[in-house]
Amino acid sequence: SMGKKGGFSYYISLLLWLTAFFVIPTLIIAVISFLKKGPYGGVIFWQFSLDAYANLFDKVFLKIIFKTLEISIWVTIVTLVLALPTAYYISRSKLKSFWLLLIIIPFWTNFLVRIYSFIAILGNNGIVNKALQLVFNLDGPIQLLYNKNAVIIVTVYIYLPYAILPLYSSIEKFDFSLLDAARDLGATKFKAMVKVFLPGIKSGLISATILTFIPAVGSYAVPDLLGGNDALMLGNIIGKRLLDARDWPIASAVSMLLIVFTTIAVLLFMRSDNGEDE
């Protein structure tokens, strides 16, 4: 009886927490997205309008939507390509604690400090440009900042630890004798990795993808500080509409679009993971 009461109290607390910090804020955003913009910013309450959603079909907005998806997909791909061999190496190393510590250390540094450090690294007078000019005898610096590539590089750096840790956890649990069995049955090393290893760590791959793709879609600080006109993302549009134009309905409509994107992505990944488990 006490166990049932404790479990019931836990679920009530969880429900209240989700309602207060997720459901209610989301409903507020949803309502504002359907209201009419006020003459001096904000909204006119209870004057409903679909203008904010109609503006999302404008060519400029559509271009930014596709640009956001493009950058987020590239970030996810590059992050997984780097994270998978790193997690594999750590899981097979005798110095696991040391390597995991190095992976976790960036979390101890302020987010903005890490972004600004890349401005110094990739800038015209940064260490990368100096090295390139020295090696290739260039006449001047290469523009490495304020473009799409800079956003992808720094976003990958920011979210790489979030991908490595779940992959490491899955690889640690993987039975490597299955690879030997596959090799004994005639599979090449590459085929054994693709047919046995990758499906065996699918939950880690899905977790790493979610933890990279979802925050990348909603990025604001990295494209704002390191991106140019070709790297404007939905998060920047929300900020500009709220702070500069005080256009709450459009900012809320873009936020709802992000919520829909991320929710669909998570559901698809979870469904894929559950389907594999079944």
C-alpha atoms as a PDB file:
ATOM      1  CA  SER A   1       0.000   0.000   0.000  1.00  0.00           C
ATOM      2  CA  MET A   2       2.802   2.395   0.925  1.00  0.00           C
ATOM      3  CA  GLY A   3       4.587   1.490  -2.297  1.00  0.00           C
ATOM      4  CA  LYS A   4       1.505   2.274  -4.340  1.00  0.00           C
ATOM      5  CA  LYS A   5       1.039   5.583  -2.506  1.00  0.00           C
ATOM      6  CA  GLY A   6       4.671   6.467  -3.080  1.00  0.00           C
ATOM      7  CA  GLY A   7       4.417   5.610  -6.752  1.00  0.00           C
ATOM      8  CA  PHE A   8       1.185   7.598  -7.088  1.00  0.00           C
ATOM      9  CA  SER A   9       2.775  10.626  -5.402  1.00  0.00           C
ATOM     10  CA  TYR A  10       5.747  10.367  -7.756  1.00  0.00           C
ATOM     11  CA  TYR A  11       3.549  10.377 -10.857  1.00  0.00           C
ATOM     12  CA  ILE A  12       1.467  13.289  -9.505  1.00  0.00           C
ATOM     13  CA  SER A  13       4.652  15.277  -8.834  1.00  0.00           C
ATOM     14  CA  LEU A  14       5.965  14.435 -12.316  1.00  0.00           C
ATOM     15  CA  LEU A  15       2.650  15.472 -13.882  1.00  0.00           C
ATOM     16  CA  LEU A  16       2.626  18.780 -11.995  1.00  0.00           C
ATOM     17  CA  TRP A  17       6.250  19.457 -12.940  1.00  0.00           C
ATOM     18  CA  LEU A  18       5.615  18.773 -16.646  1.00  0.00           C
ATOM     19  CA  THR A  19       2.429  20.863 -16.575  1.00  0.00           C
ATOM     20  CA  ALA A  20       4.090  23.845 -14.890  1.00  0.00           C
ATOM     21  CA  PHE A  21       7.324  23.886 -16.902  1.00  0.00           C
ATOM     22  CA  PHE A  22       6.330  22.416 -20.274  1.00  0.00           C
ATOM     23  CA  VAL A  23       2.600  22.273 -20.988  1.00  0.00           C
ATOM     24  CA  ILE A  24       1.607  25.742 -19.700  1.00  0.00           C
ATOM     25  CA  PRO A  25       4.545  27.625 -21.355  1.00  0.00           C
ATOM     26  CA  THR A  26       3.904  25.786 -24.633  1.00  0.00           C
ATOM     27  CA  LEU A  27       0.196  26.654 -24.502  1.00  0.00           C
ATOM     28  CA  ILE A  28       1.054  30.316 -23.871  1.00  0.00           C
ATOM     29  CA  ILE A  29       3.343  30.362 -26.910  1.00  0.00           C
ATOM     30  CA  ALA A  30       0.683  28.602 -28.999  1.00  0.00           C
ATOM     31  CA  VAL A  31      -2.005  31.131 -28.021  1.00  0.00           C
ATOM     32  CA  ILE A  32       0.258  34.142 -28.701  1.00  0.00           C
ATOM     33  CA  SER A  33       1.109  32.739 -32.138  1.00  0.00           C
ATOM     34  CA  PHE A  34      -2.586  33.013 -33.091  1.00  0.00           C
ATOM     35  CA  LEU A  35      -3.037  36.597 -31.832  1.00  0.00           C
ATOM     36  CA  LYS A  36      -2.790  39.871 -33.722  1.00  0.00           C
ATOM     37  CA  LYS A  37       0.347  41.976 -33.353  1.00  0.00           C
ATOM     38  CA  GLY A  38      -0.091  45.161 -31.340  1.00  0.00           C
ATOM     39  CA  PRO A  39       0.623  48.558 -32.966  1.00  0.00           C
ATOM     40  CA  TYR A  40       3.593  49.107 -30.636  1.00  0.00           C
ATOM     41  CA  GLY A  41       4.657  45.517 -30.345  1.00  0.00           C
ATOM     42  CA  GLY A  42       3.353  42.701 -28.212  1.00  0.00           C
ATOM     43  CA  VAL A  43      -0.110  41.370 -28.994  1.00  0.00           C
ATOM     44  CA  ILE A  44      -3.746  42.462 -28.913  1.00  0.00           C
ATOM     45  CA  PHE A  45      -5.380  39.904 -26.674  1.00  0.00           C
ATOM     46  CA  TRP A  46      -8.269  37.895 -28.029  1.00  0.00           C
ATOM     47  CA  GLN A  47      -7.969  39.323 -31.551  1.00  0.00           C
ATOM     48  CA  PHE A  48      -7.086  36.114 -33.334  1.00  0.00           C
ATOM     49  CA  SER A  49      -5.154  36.074 -36.592  1.00  0.00           C
ATOM     50  CA  LEU A  50      -3.303  33.606 -38.816  1.00  0.00           C
ATOM     51  CA  ASP A  51      -0.924  36.277 -40.144  1.00  0.00           C
ATOM     52  CA  ALA A  52       2.053  34.902 -38.192  1.00  0.00           C
ATOM     53  CA  TYR A  53       1.695  31.438 -39.725  1.00  0.00           C
ATOM     54  CA  ALA A  54       1.026  32.898 -43.180  1.00  0.00           C
ATOM     55  CA  ASN A  55       4.369  34.734 -42.943  1.00  0.00           C
ATOM     56  CA  LEU A  56       6.151  31.418 -42.393  1.00  0.00           C
ATOM     57  CA  PHE A  57       5.429  30.571 -46.032  1.00  0.00           C
ATOM     58  CA  ASP A  58       7.261  33.676 -47.218  1.00  0.00           C
ATOM     59  CA  LYS A  59      10.322  32.878 -49.359  1.00  0.00           C
ATOM     60  CA  VAL A  60      12.667  34.441 -46.804  1.00  0.00           C
ATOM     61  CA  PHE A  61      11.303  32.318 -43.964  1.00  0.00           C
ATOM     62  CA  LEU A  62      11.282  29.156 -46.061  1.00  0.00           C
ATOM     63  CA  LYS A  63      14.917  29.762 -46.971  1.00  0.00           C
ATOM     64  CA  ILE A  64      15.833  30.129 -43.288  1.00  0.00           C
ATOM     65  CA  ILE A  65      13.860  26.989 -42.391  1.00  0.00           C
ATOM     66  CA  PHE A  66      15.734  24.925 -44.986  1.00  0.00           C
ATOM     67  CA  LYS A  67      19.033  26.522 -43.962  1.00  0.00           C
ATOM     68  CA  THR A  68      18.362  25.573 -40.334  1.00  0.00           C
ATOM     69  CA  LEU A  69      17.643  21.972 -41.311  1.00  0.00           C
ATOM     70  CA  GLU A  70      20.690  21.850 -43.585  1.00  0.00           C
ATOM     71  CA  ILE A  71      23.083  23.103 -40.907  1.00  0.00           C
ATOM     72  CA  SER A  72      21.532  20.863 -38.237  1.00  0.00           C
ATOM     73  CA  ILE A  73      21.791  17.758 -40.429  1.00  0.00           C
ATOM     74  CA  TRP A  74      25.426  18.493 -41.296  1.00  0.00           C
ATOM     75  CA  VAL A  75      26.213  19.111 -37.617  1.00  0.00           C
ATOM     76  CA  THR A  76      24.614  15.774 -36.694  1.00  0.00           C
ATOM     77  CA  ILE A  77      26.447  13.844 -39.416  1.00  0.00           C
ATOM     78  CA  VAL A  78      29.868  15.320 -38.634  1.00  0.00           C
ATOM     79  CA  THR A  79      29.343  14.889 -34.897  1.00  0.00           C
ATOM     80  CA  LEU A  80      28.415  11.201 -35.263  1.00  0.00           C
ATOM     81  CA  VAL A  81      31.357  10.564 -37.619  1.00  0.00           C
ATOM     82  CA  LEU A  82      33.723  12.009 -35.007  1.00  0.00           C
ATOM     83  CA  ALA A  83      31.963  10.653 -31.923  1.00  0.00           C
ATOM     84  CA  LEU A  84      31.650   7.005 -32.990  1.00  0.00           C
ATOM     85  CA  PRO A  85      35.369   6.173 -33.390  1.00  0.00           C
ATOM     86  CA  THR A  86      36.168   8.291 -30.319  1.00  0.00           C
ATOM     87  CA  ALA A  87      33.651   6.418 -28.160  1.00  0.00           C
ATOM     88  CA  TYR A  88      34.888   3.099 -29.581  1.00  0.00           C
ATOM     89  CA  TYR A  89      38.499   3.934 -28.763  1.00  0.00           C
ATOM     90  CA  ILE A  90      37.631   5.039 -25.211  1.00  0.00           C
ATOM     91  CA  SER A  91      35.586   1.893 -24.547  1.00  0.00           C
ATOM     92  CA  ARG A  92      38.518  -0.308 -25.628  1.00  0.00           C
ATOM     93  CA  SER A  93      41.191   1.750 -23.882  1.00  0.00           C
ATOM     94  CA  LYS A  94      42.789   0.990 -20.528  1.00  0.00           C
ATOM     95  CA  LEU A  95      42.645   4.688 -19.668  1.00  0.00           C
ATOM     96  CA  LYS A  96      38.859   5.063 -19.849  1.00  0.00           C
ATOM     97  CA  SER A  97      38.580   7.362 -16.833  1.00  0.00           C
ATOM     98  CA  PHE A  98      41.258   9.686 -18.172  1.00  0.00           C
ATOM     99  CA  TRP A  99      39.663   9.993 -21.630  1.00  0.00           C
ATOM    100  CA  LEU A 100      36.172  10.455 -20.168  1.00  0.00           C
ATOM    101  CA  LEU A 101      37.536  13.207 -17.939  1.00  0.00           C
ATOM    102  CA  LEU A 102      38.901  15.001 -20.999  1.00  0.00           C
ATOM    103  CA  ILE A 103      35.487  14.667 -22.677  1.00  0.00           C
ATOM    104  CA  ILE A 104      33.713  16.116 -19.637  1.00  0.00           C
ATOM    105  CA  ILE A 105      36.153  19.001 -18.978  1.00  0.00           C
ATOM    106  CA  PRO A 106      34.531  21.316 -21.605  1.00  0.00           C
ATOM    107  CA  PHE A 107      31.323  21.216 -19.516  1.00  0.00           C
ATOM    108  CA  TRP A 108      33.228  23.041 -16.791  1.00  0.00           C
ATOM    109  CA  THR A 109      33.845  26.026 -19.081  1.00  0.00           C
ATOM    110  CA  ASN A 110      31.259  28.713 -19.751  1.00  0.00           C
ATOM    111  CA  PHE A 111      29.367  28.225 -23.014  1.00  0.00           C
ATOM    112  CA  LEU A 112      30.068  31.757 -24.309  1.00  0.00           C
ATOM    113  CA  VAL A 113      33.749  31.539 -23.388  1.00  0.00           C
ATOM    114  CA  ARG A 114      34.076  28.453 -25.598  1.00  0.00           C
ATOM    115  CA  ILE A 115      32.373  30.250 -28.500  1.00  0.00           C
ATOM    116  CA  TYR A 116      34.571  33.336 -28.162  1.00  0.00           C
ATOM    117  CA  SER A 117      37.654  31.134 -27.981  1.00  0.00           C
ATOM    118  CA  PHE A 118      36.849  29.968 -31.516  1.00  0.00           C
ATOM    119  CA  ILE A 119      36.683  33.582 -32.669  1.00  0.00           C
ATOM    120  CA  ALA A 120      40.307  33.853 -31.575  1.00  0.00           C
ATOM    121  CA  ILE A 121      41.215  30.478 -33.103  1.00  0.00           C
ATOM    122  CA  LEU A 122      39.500  30.960 -36.486  1.00  0.00           C
ATOM    123  CA  GLY A 123      39.894  34.743 -36.822  1.00  0.00           C
ATOM    124  CA  ASN A 124      42.079  36.443 -39.432  1.00  0.00           C
ATOM    125  CA  ASN A 125      44.902  36.640 -36.892  1.00  0.00           C
ATOM    126  CA  GLY A 126      44.036  33.329 -35.249  1.00  0.00           C
ATOM    127  CA  ILE A 127      46.258  30.292 -34.908  1.00  0.00           C
ATOM    128  CA  VAL A 128      44.550  28.402 -37.769  1.00  0.00           C
ATOM    129  CA  ASN A 129      45.006  31.242 -40.261  1.00  0.00           C
ATOM    130  CA  LYS A 130      48.581  31.811 -39.156  1.00  0.00           C
ATOM    131  CA  ALA A 131      49.347  28.109 -39.667  1.00  0.00           C
ATOM    132  CA  LEU A 132      47.690  28.044 -43.103  1.00  0.00           C
ATOM    133  CA  GLN A 133      49.573  31.138 -44.241  1.00  0.00           C
ATOM    134  CA  LEU A 134      52.846  29.653 -43.017  1.00  0.00           C
ATOM    135  CA  VAL A 135      52.322  26.223 -44.600  1.00  0.00           C
ATOM    136  CA  PHE A 136      50.825  27.350 -47.917  1.00  0.00           C
ATOM    137  CA  ASN A 137      52.590  30.719 -48.145  1.00  0.00           C
ATOM    138  CA  LEU A 138      49.315  32.623 -48.573  1.00  0.00           C
ATOM    139  CA  ASP A 139      49.247  36.350 -49.226  1.00  0.00           C
ATOM    140  CA  GLY A 140      46.447  36.985 -46.737  1.00  0.00           C
ATOM    141  CA  PRO A 141      44.110  35.302 -44.253  1.00  0.00           C
ATOM    142  CA  ILE A 142      41.236  33.035 -45.255  1.00  0.00           C
ATOM    143  CA  GLN A 143      37.740  34.032 -44.116  1.00  0.00           C
ATOM    144  CA  LEU A 144      36.973  31.231 -41.667  1.00  0.00           C
ATOM    145  CA  LEU A 145      34.480  33.129 -39.534  1.00  0.00           C
ATOM    146  CA  TYR A 146      30.980  34.530 -40.101  1.00  0.00           C
ATOM    147  CA  ASN A 147      29.778  31.863 -42.483  1.00  0.00           C
ATOM    148  CA  LYS A 148      27.935  28.529 -42.475  1.00  0.00           C
ATOM    149  CA  ASN A 149      31.098  26.449 -42.091  1.00  0.00           C
ATOM    150  CA  ALA A 150      32.106  28.297 -38.924  1.00  0.00           C
ATOM    151  CA  VAL A 151      28.675  27.614 -37.423  1.00  0.00           C
ATOM    152  CA  ILE A 152      28.938  23.907 -38.257  1.00  0.00           C
ATOM    153  CA  ILE A 153      32.483  23.580 -36.860  1.00  0.00           C
ATOM    154  CA  VAL A 154      31.730  25.292 -33.551  1.00  0.00           C
ATOM    155  CA  THR A 155      28.336  23.621 -33.097  1.00  0.00           C
ATOM    156  CA  VAL A 156      29.978  20.234 -33.631  1.00  0.00           C
ATOM    157  CA  TYR A 157      32.561  21.132 -30.995  1.00  0.00           C
ATOM    158  CA  ILE A 158      29.844  22.216 -28.551  1.00  0.00           C
ATOM    159  CA  TYR A 159      27.701  19.076 -28.876  1.00  0.00           C
ATOM    160  CA  LEU A 160      30.384  16.447 -29.498  1.00  0.00           C
ATOM    161  CA  PRO A 161      30.573  15.388 -25.816  1.00  0.00           C
ATOM    162  CA  TYR A 162      26.787  14.864 -25.772  1.00  0.00           C
ATOM    163  CA  ALA A 163      27.190  12.365 -28.617  1.00  0.00           C
ATOM    164  CA  ILE A 164      30.291  10.606 -27.308  1.00  0.00           C
ATOM    165  CA  LEU A 165      28.890   9.761 -23.860  1.00  0.00           C
ATOM    166  CA  PRO A 166      25.751   7.810 -24.929  1.00  0.00           C
ATOM    167  CA  LEU A 167      27.750   6.046 -27.654  1.00  0.00           C
ATOM    168  CA  TYR A 168      30.401   5.079 -25.114  1.00  0.00           C
ATOM    169  CA  SER A 169      27.698   3.730 -22.804  1.00  0.00           C
ATOM    170  CA  SER A 170      26.231   1.547 -25.576  1.00  0.00           C
ATOM    171  CA  ILE A 171      29.605   0.313 -26.811  1.00  0.00           C
ATOM    172  CA  GLU A 172      30.578  -0.628 -23.242  1.00  0.00           C
ATOM    173  CA  LYS A 173      27.570  -2.970 -23.094  1.00  0.00           C
ATOM    174  CA  PHE A 174      28.185  -4.486 -26.521  1.00  0.00           C
ATOM    175  CA  ASP A 175      29.328  -8.111 -26.661  1.00  0.00           C
ATOM    176  CA  PHE A 176      32.408  -8.007 -28.898  1.00  0.00           C
ATOM    177  CA  SER A 177      32.443 -11.793 -29.194  1.00  0.00           C
ATOM    178  CA  LEU A 178      29.617 -11.308 -31.704  1.00  0.00           C
ATOM    179  CA  LEU A 179      32.111  -9.675 -34.067  1.00  0.00           C
ATOM    180  CA  ASP A 180      34.406 -12.673 -33.794  1.00  0.00           C
ATOM    181  CA  ALA A 181      31.461 -14.977 -34.504  1.00  0.00           C
ATOM    182  CA  ALA A 182      30.554 -12.920 -37.581  1.00  0.00           C
ATOM    183  CA  ARG A 183      34.152 -13.118 -38.825  1.00  0.00           C
ATOM    184  CA  ASP A 184      34.175 -16.902 -38.273  1.00  0.00           C
ATOM    185  CA  LEU A 185      31.020 -17.155 -40.395  1.00  0.00           C
ATOM    186  CA  GLY A 186      32.739 -15.434 -43.307  1.00  0.00           C
ATOM    187  CA  ALA A 187      31.926 -11.764 -42.806  1.00  0.00           C
ATOM    188  CA  THR A 188      34.622  -9.215 -43.553  1.00  0.00           C
ATOM    189  CA  LYS A 189      35.684  -6.874 -40.774  1.00  0.00           C
ATOM    190  CA  PHE A 190      33.796  -3.998 -42.399  1.00  0.00           C
ATOM    191  CA  LYS A 191      30.650  -6.083 -42.937  1.00  0.00           C
ATOM    192  CA  ALA A 192      30.758  -7.323 -39.344  1.00  0.00           C
ATOM    193  CA  MET A 193      30.923  -3.729 -38.109  1.00  0.00           C
ATOM    194  CA  VAL A 194      27.996  -2.652 -40.300  1.00  0.00           C
ATOM    195  CA  LYS A 195      25.775  -5.718 -39.852  1.00  0.00           C
ATOM    196  CA  VAL A 196      26.528  -6.573 -36.213  1.00  0.00           C
ATOM    197  CA  PHE A 197      28.241  -3.702 -34.369  1.00  0.00           C
ATOM    198  CA  LEU A 198      26.148  -0.730 -35.532  1.00  0.00           C
ATOM    199  CA  PRO A 199      22.769  -2.464 -34.959  1.00  0.00           C
ATOM    200  CA  GLY A 200      24.068  -3.576 -31.559  1.00  0.00           C
ATOM    201  CA  ILE A 201      24.658   0.014 -30.448  1.00  0.00           C
ATOM    202  CA  LYS A 202      21.536   1.428 -32.106  1.00  0.00           C
ATOM    203  CA  SER A 203      20.151   2.889 -28.870  1.00  0.00           C
ATOM    204  CA  GLY A 204      23.367   4.850 -28.375  1.00  0.00           C
ATOM    205  CA  LEU A 205      23.309   6.084 -31.973  1.00  0.00           C
ATOM    206  CA  ILE A 206      19.710   7.249 -31.571  1.00  0.00           C
ATOM    207  CA  SER A 207      20.457   8.993 -28.264  1.00  0.00           C
ATOM    208  CA  ALA A 208      23.527  10.702 -29.741  1.00  0.00           C
ATOM    209  CA  THR A 209      21.528  11.831 -32.780  1.00  0.00           C
ATOM    210  CA  ILE A 210      18.729  13.279 -30.646  1.00  0.00           C
ATOM    211  CA  LEU A 211      21.143  15.041 -28.283  1.00  0.00           C
ATOM    212  CA  THR A 212      22.897  16.623 -31.278  1.00  0.00           C
ATOM    213  CA  PHE A 213      20.139  17.335 -33.805  1.00  0.00           C
ATOM    214  CA  ILE A 214      17.516  18.766 -31.414  1.00  0.00           C
ATOM    215  CA  PRO A 215      19.701  21.477 -29.808  1.00  0.00           C
ATOM    216  CA  ALA A 216      21.344  22.218 -33.181  1.00  0.00           C
ATOM    217  CA  VAL A 217      17.948  23.032 -34.711  1.00  0.00           C
ATOM    218  CA  GLY A 218      17.291  25.588 -31.964  1.00  0.00           C
ATOM    219  CA  SER A 219      20.783  27.117 -31.935  1.00  0.00           C
ATOM    220  CA  TYR A 220      20.954  30.835 -31.257  1.00  0.00           C
ATOM    221  CA  ALA A 221      24.294  31.894 -29.770  1.00  0.00           C
ATOM    222  CA  VAL A 222      26.633  30.149 -32.235  1.00  0.00           C
ATOM    223  CA  PRO A 223      25.000  31.411 -35.476  1.00  0.00           C
ATOM    224  CA  ASP A 224      24.454  34.827 -33.877  1.00  0.00           C
ATOM    225  CA  LEU A 225      28.129  35.273 -32.960  1.00  0.00           C
ATOM    226  CA  LEU A 226      29.877  33.271 -35.693  1.00  0.00           C
ATOM    227  CA  GLY A 227      27.411  33.100 -38.576  1.00  0.00           C
ATOM    228  CA  GLY A 228      26.825  35.472 -41.456  1.00  0.00           C
ATOM    229  CA  ASN A 229      23.812  36.058 -43.659  1.00  0.00           C
ATOM    230  CA  ASP A 230      24.124  32.525 -45.045  1.00  0.00           C
ATOM    231  CA  ALA A 231      23.982  31.009 -41.543  1.00  0.00           C
ATOM    232  CA  LEU A 232      20.867  32.688 -40.141  1.00  0.00           C
ATOM    233  CA  MET A 233      18.805  30.091 -38.272  1.00  0.00           C
ATOM    234  CA  LEU A 234      15.337  29.900 -36.742  1.00  0.00           C
ATOM    235  CA  GLY A 235      16.671  30.678 -33.264  1.00  0.00           C
ATOM    236  CA  ASN A 236      18.065  33.974 -34.560  1.00  0.00           C
ATOM    237  CA  ILE A 237      14.723  34.849 -36.145  1.00  0.00           C
ATOM    238  CA  ILE A 238      12.973  34.322 -32.814  1.00  0.00           C
ATOM    239  CA  GLY A 239      15.493  36.607 -31.090  1.00  0.00           C
ATOM    240  CA  LYS A 240      15.314  39.333 -33.722  1.00  0.00           C
ATOM    241  CA  ARG A 241      11.510  39.300 -33.855  1.00  0.00           C
ATOM    242  CA  LEU A 242      11.226  39.478 -30.073  1.00  0.00           C
ATOM    243  CA  LEU A 243      13.964  42.013 -29.340  1.00  0.00           C
ATOM    244  CA  ASP A 244      14.078  44.212 -32.458  1.00  0.00           C
ATOM    245  CA  ALA A 245      10.613  44.132 -33.999  1.00  0.00           C
ATOM    246  CA  ARG A 246       8.713  43.136 -30.823  1.00  0.00           C
ATOM    247  CA  ASP A 247       6.659  40.898 -33.083  1.00  0.00           C
ATOM    248  CA  TRP A 248       5.463  38.340 -30.560  1.00  0.00           C
ATOM    249  CA  PRO A 249       3.097  36.380 -32.849  1.00  0.00           C
ATOM    250  CA  ILE A 250       5.746  35.582 -35.489  1.00  0.00           C
ATOM    251  CA  ALA A 251       8.341  34.755 -32.819  1.00  0.00           C
ATOM    252  CA  SER A 252       5.813  32.421 -31.189  1.00  0.00           C
ATOM    253  CA  ALA A 253       4.859  30.866 -34.539  1.00  0.00           C
ATOM    254  CA  VAL A 254       8.533  30.138 -35.285  1.00  0.00           C
ATOM    255  CA  SER A 255       8.871  28.679 -31.779  1.00  0.00           C
ATOM    256  CA  MET A 256       5.894  26.418 -32.424  1.00  0.00           C
ATOM    257  CA  LEU A 257       7.523  25.345 -35.675  1.00  0.00           C
ATOM    258  CA  LEU A 258      10.666  24.386 -33.749  1.00  0.00           C
ATOM    259  CA  ILE A 259       8.590  22.487 -31.199  1.00  0.00           C
ATOM    260  CA  VAL A 260       6.859  20.559 -33.999  1.00  0.00           C
ATOM    261  CA  PHE A 261      10.232  19.813 -35.684  1.00  0.00           C
ATOM    262  CA  THR A 262      11.830  18.537 -32.503  1.00  0.00           C
ATOM    263  CA  THR A 263       8.781  16.573 -31.342  1.00  0.00           C
ATOM    264  CA  ILE A 264       8.447  14.762 -34.678  1.00  0.00           C
ATOM    265  CA  ALA A 265      12.191  14.016 -34.719  1.00  0.00           C
ATOM    266  CA  VAL A 266      12.150  12.593 -31.187  1.00  0.00           C
ATOM    267  CA  LEU A 267       9.042  10.479 -31.873  1.00  0.00           C
ATOM    268  CA  LEU A 268      10.564   9.079 -35.061  1.00  0.00           C
ATOM    269  CA  PHE A 269      13.812   8.170 -33.320  1.00  0.00           C
ATOM    270  CA  MET A 270      11.973   6.649 -30.344  1.00  0.00           C
ATOM    271  CA  ARG A 271       9.724   4.661 -32.662  1.00  0.00           C
ATOM    272  CA  SER A 272      12.766   3.391 -34.540  1.00  0.00           C
ATOM    273  CA  ASP A 273      14.419   2.347 -31.294  1.00  0.00           C
ATOM    274  CA  ASN A 274      11.283   0.621 -29.973  1.00  0.00           C
ATOM    275  CA  GLY A 275      10.776  -1.145 -33.298  1.00  0.00           C
ATOM    276  CA  GLU A 276      14.304  -2.547 -33.117  1.00  0.00           C
ATOM    277  CA  ASP A 277      13.780  -3.705 -29.534  1.00  0.00           C
ATOM    278  CA  GLU A 278      10.609  -5.571 -30.539  1.00  0.00           C
END
